[in-house]
Amino acid sequence: MVVVADRTGRSHLYRYRLEGNRWIAVGQVPAFEDQFQVGPLLSPKADRLLFAQRDGARSGEIFLVDLSATPDRAWPPACG
């Protein structure tokens, strides 16, 4: 699971893993510390994550982060 939370005065993305009947914190998703992240979309295998964040003067740029060493690169599917 990935959630958006404001823990440091700015919204960031945090990962959790289900173990038994409890959600265990995995940590913050690697992204720009000085920017907030929004709109997380976790891949079906939970190995890739799409989200938006500001990138310099550009606002709402889309980022893709691999959450495992060997992610399924077929996700997200190509457009068009």
N, C-alpha and C. Protein backbone atom coordinates (compact mmCIF):
# COMPACT_ATOMS: atom_id res chain seq x y z
N MET A 1 0.85 -1.16 0.00
CA MET A 1 0.00 0.00 0.00
C MET A 1 0.90 1.23 0.00
N VAL A 2 0.46 2.26 -0.69
CA VAL A 2 1.16 3.54 -0.70
C VAL A 2 0.15 4.60 -0.27
N VAL A 3 0.54 5.44 0.68
CA VAL A 3 -0.34 6.50 1.16
C VAL A 3 0.36 7.85 1.04
N VAL A 4 -0.44 8.90 0.92
CA VAL A 4 0.06 10.27 0.96
C VAL A 4 -0.15 10.76 2.39
N ALA A 5 0.92 11.22 3.02
CA ALA A 5 0.83 11.69 4.40
C ALA A 5 1.71 12.91 4.60
N ASP A 6 1.27 13.81 5.46
CA ASP A 6 2.03 15.01 5.81
C ASP A 6 2.66 14.77 7.18
N ARG A 7 3.90 14.32 7.18
CA ARG A 7 4.61 14.04 8.44
C ARG A 7 5.68 15.07 8.75
N THR A 8 6.04 15.87 7.75
CA THR A 8 7.15 16.82 7.92
C THR A 8 6.77 18.22 7.44
N GLY A 9 5.48 18.54 7.40
CA GLY A 9 5.05 19.83 6.89
C GLY A 9 4.86 19.85 5.39
N ARG A 10 5.01 18.69 4.76
CA ARG A 10 4.83 18.56 3.32
C ARG A 10 4.36 17.14 3.03
N SER A 11 3.45 16.99 2.08
CA SER A 11 2.94 15.66 1.73
C SER A 11 3.99 14.84 1.01
N HIS A 12 4.16 13.61 1.44
CA HIS A 12 5.07 12.67 0.79
C HIS A 12 4.39 11.30 0.71
N LEU A 13 4.98 10.41 -0.06
CA LEU A 13 4.44 9.06 -0.23
C LEU A 13 5.17 8.09 0.69
N TYR A 14 4.40 7.21 1.33
CA TYR A 14 4.96 6.21 2.24
C TYR A 14 4.43 4.83 1.87
N ARG A 15 5.31 3.83 1.94
CA ARG A 15 4.95 2.45 1.59
C ARG A 15 4.68 1.64 2.85
N TYR A 16 3.74 0.69 2.71
CA TYR A 16 3.42 -0.27 3.77
C TYR A 16 3.28 -1.64 3.13
N ARG A 17 3.56 -2.67 3.94
CA ARG A 17 3.47 -4.07 3.48
C ARG A 17 2.56 -4.81 4.46
N LEU A 18 1.66 -5.63 3.93
CA LEU A 18 0.76 -6.41 4.77
C LEU A 18 1.47 -7.68 5.22
N GLU A 19 1.58 -7.85 6.52
CA GLU A 19 2.16 -9.06 7.12
C GLU A 19 1.12 -9.62 8.08
N GLY A 20 0.57 -10.77 7.70
CA GLY A 20 -0.51 -11.34 8.50
C GLY A 20 -1.71 -10.42 8.42
N ASN A 21 -2.11 -9.89 9.57
CA ASN A 21 -3.25 -8.96 9.58
C ASN A 21 -2.83 -7.54 9.96
N ARG A 22 -1.53 -7.21 9.80
CA ARG A 22 -1.01 -5.89 10.16
C ARG A 22 -0.28 -5.25 8.99
N TRP A 23 -0.42 -3.93 8.87
CA TRP A 23 0.34 -3.17 7.88
C TRP A 23 1.63 -2.70 8.54
N ILE A 24 2.77 -3.02 7.93
CA ILE A 24 4.09 -2.69 8.44
C ILE A 24 4.70 -1.59 7.56
N ALA A 25 5.19 -0.52 8.19
CA ALA A 25 5.81 0.58 7.44
C ALA A 25 7.09 0.10 6.77
N VAL A 26 7.23 0.39 5.48
CA VAL A 26 8.43 0.06 4.71
C VAL A 26 9.32 1.29 4.60
N GLY A 27 8.70 2.47 4.47
CA GLY A 27 9.47 3.71 4.40
C GLY A 27 8.94 4.66 3.36
N GLN A 28 9.60 5.79 3.27
CA GLN A 28 9.22 6.83 2.33
C GLN A 28 9.65 6.45 0.92
N VAL A 29 8.79 6.75 -0.04
CA VAL A 29 9.11 6.51 -1.45
C VAL A 29 10.20 7.51 -1.87
N PRO A 30 11.25 7.05 -2.57
CA PRO A 30 12.30 7.98 -3.00
C PRO A 30 11.76 9.01 -3.99
N ALA A 31 11.81 10.27 -3.59
CA ALA A 31 11.32 11.37 -4.42
C ALA A 31 11.98 12.65 -3.92
N PHE A 32 11.67 13.76 -4.55
CA PHE A 32 12.25 15.04 -4.14
C PHE A 32 11.78 15.40 -2.73
N GLU A 33 12.70 15.56 -1.79
CA GLU A 33 12.37 15.90 -0.40
C GLU A 33 11.68 17.25 -0.28
N ASP A 34 12.06 18.20 -1.13
CA ASP A 34 11.52 19.56 -1.00
C ASP A 34 10.23 19.78 -1.79
N GLN A 35 9.68 18.73 -2.36
CA GLN A 35 8.43 18.82 -3.12
C GLN A 35 7.42 17.84 -2.54
N PHE A 36 6.14 18.15 -2.73
CA PHE A 36 5.13 17.20 -2.29
C PHE A 36 4.77 16.27 -3.44
N GLN A 37 4.33 15.07 -3.12
CA GLN A 37 3.94 14.08 -4.12
C GLN A 37 2.44 13.80 -3.96
N VAL A 38 1.77 13.55 -5.08
CA VAL A 38 0.34 13.28 -5.07
C VAL A 38 0.00 12.20 -6.09
N GLY A 39 -1.20 11.65 -5.98
CA GLY A 39 -1.74 10.74 -6.97
C GLY A 39 -1.01 9.43 -7.15
N PRO A 40 -0.62 8.74 -6.08
CA PRO A 40 0.12 7.49 -6.28
C PRO A 40 -0.73 6.41 -6.95
N LEU A 41 -0.14 5.71 -7.89
CA LEU A 41 -0.78 4.58 -8.57
C LEU A 41 0.21 3.42 -8.52
N LEU A 42 -0.10 2.43 -7.72
CA LEU A 42 0.77 1.27 -7.53
C LEU A 42 0.46 0.22 -8.58
N SER A 43 1.50 -0.38 -9.16
CA SER A 43 1.31 -1.42 -10.17
C SER A 43 0.64 -2.65 -9.56
N PRO A 44 0.02 -3.50 -10.38
CA PRO A 44 -0.64 -4.70 -9.85
C PRO A 44 0.29 -5.62 -9.06
N LYS A 45 1.57 -5.64 -9.40
CA LYS A 45 2.53 -6.48 -8.68
C LYS A 45 3.23 -5.72 -7.55
N ALA A 46 2.84 -4.45 -7.33
CA ALA A 46 3.41 -3.59 -6.29
C ALA A 46 4.91 -3.39 -6.43
N ASP A 47 5.40 -3.44 -7.69
CA ASP A 47 6.83 -3.28 -7.91
C ASP A 47 7.20 -1.98 -8.63
N ARG A 48 6.18 -1.20 -9.04
CA ARG A 48 6.41 0.10 -9.67
C ARG A 48 5.34 1.07 -9.17
N LEU A 49 5.70 2.36 -9.18
CA LEU A 49 4.79 3.37 -8.68
C LEU A 49 4.82 4.61 -9.58
N LEU A 50 3.65 5.04 -10.02
CA LEU A 50 3.50 6.30 -10.75
C LEU A 50 2.96 7.34 -9.77
N PHE A 51 3.45 8.57 -9.88
CA PHE A 51 2.92 9.66 -9.06
C PHE A 51 3.28 10.98 -9.70
N ALA A 52 2.68 12.05 -9.21
CA ALA A 52 2.98 13.38 -9.72
C ALA A 52 3.67 14.19 -8.64
N GLN A 53 4.58 15.05 -9.08
CA GLN A 53 5.21 16.01 -8.18
C GLN A 53 5.76 17.15 -9.03
N ARG A 54 6.03 18.23 -8.39
CA ARG A 54 6.64 19.36 -9.07
C ARG A 54 8.10 19.02 -9.38
N ASP A 55 8.57 19.49 -10.52
CA ASP A 55 9.96 19.29 -10.93
C ASP A 55 10.50 20.62 -11.44
N GLY A 56 11.12 21.38 -10.55
CA GLY A 56 11.59 22.71 -10.92
C GLY A 56 10.42 23.63 -11.19
N ALA A 57 10.45 24.31 -12.31
CA ALA A 57 9.36 25.23 -12.67
C ALA A 57 8.13 24.49 -13.18
N ARG A 58 8.31 23.22 -13.53
CA ARG A 58 7.18 22.44 -14.05
C ARG A 58 6.38 21.86 -12.88
N SER A 59 5.08 21.93 -12.97
CA SER A 59 4.22 21.42 -11.91
C SER A 59 3.43 20.22 -12.41
N GLY A 60 3.32 19.21 -11.58
CA GLY A 60 2.51 18.05 -11.93
C GLY A 60 3.17 17.08 -12.88
N GLU A 61 4.49 17.08 -12.93
CA GLU A 61 5.19 16.11 -13.79
C GLU A 61 4.95 14.70 -13.26
N ILE A 62 4.90 13.73 -14.15
CA ILE A 62 4.65 12.34 -13.78
C ILE A 62 6.00 11.62 -13.62
N PHE A 63 6.12 10.86 -12.53
CA PHE A 63 7.34 10.12 -12.24
C PHE A 63 7.01 8.64 -12.09
N LEU A 64 7.95 7.79 -12.47
CA LEU A 64 7.83 6.35 -12.33
C LEU A 64 9.02 5.87 -11.50
N VAL A 65 8.72 5.17 -10.41
CA VAL A 65 9.77 4.69 -9.51
C VAL A 65 9.67 3.17 -9.43
N ASP A 66 10.81 2.50 -9.59
CA ASP A 66 10.87 1.05 -9.39
C ASP A 66 10.99 0.77 -7.90
N LEU A 67 10.14 -0.11 -7.39
CA LEU A 67 10.14 -0.45 -5.97
C LEU A 67 10.79 -1.80 -5.69
N SER A 68 11.27 -2.45 -6.75
CA SER A 68 12.00 -3.70 -6.58
C SER A 68 13.18 -3.71 -7.55
N ALA A 69 14.10 -4.63 -7.33
CA ALA A 69 15.28 -4.71 -8.19
C ALA A 69 14.94 -5.22 -9.59
N THR A 70 13.86 -6.00 -9.69
CA THR A 70 13.47 -6.57 -10.98
C THR A 70 11.98 -6.32 -11.24
N PRO A 71 11.59 -5.07 -11.50
CA PRO A 71 10.18 -4.77 -11.72
C PRO A 71 9.68 -5.27 -13.07
N ASP A 72 8.38 -5.45 -13.17
CA ASP A 72 7.74 -5.83 -14.42
C ASP A 72 7.65 -4.59 -15.29
N ARG A 73 8.52 -4.47 -16.28
CA ARG A 73 8.60 -3.27 -17.11
C ARG A 73 7.46 -3.18 -18.12
N ALA A 74 6.56 -4.16 -18.14
CA ALA A 74 5.39 -4.09 -18.99
C ALA A 74 4.33 -3.15 -18.40
N TRP A 75 4.54 -2.73 -17.15
CA TRP A 75 3.62 -1.79 -16.50
C TRP A 75 4.35 -0.49 -16.23
N PRO A 76 3.78 0.63 -16.52
CA PRO A 76 2.45 0.80 -17.10
C PRO A 76 2.46 0.50 -18.60
N PRO A 77 1.32 0.13 -19.14
CA PRO A 77 1.28 -0.16 -20.57
C PRO A 77 1.57 1.10 -21.39
N ALA A 78 2.12 0.91 -22.57
CA ALA A 78 2.43 2.03 -23.45
C ALA A 78 1.15 2.69 -23.95
N CYS A 79 1.20 3.98 -24.14
CA CYS A 79 0.05 4.72 -24.68
C CYS A 79 0.06 4.64 -26.20
N GLY A 80 -1.12 4.66 -26.77
CA GLY A 80 -1.26 4.77 -28.22
C GLY A 80 -0.99 3.52 -28.91
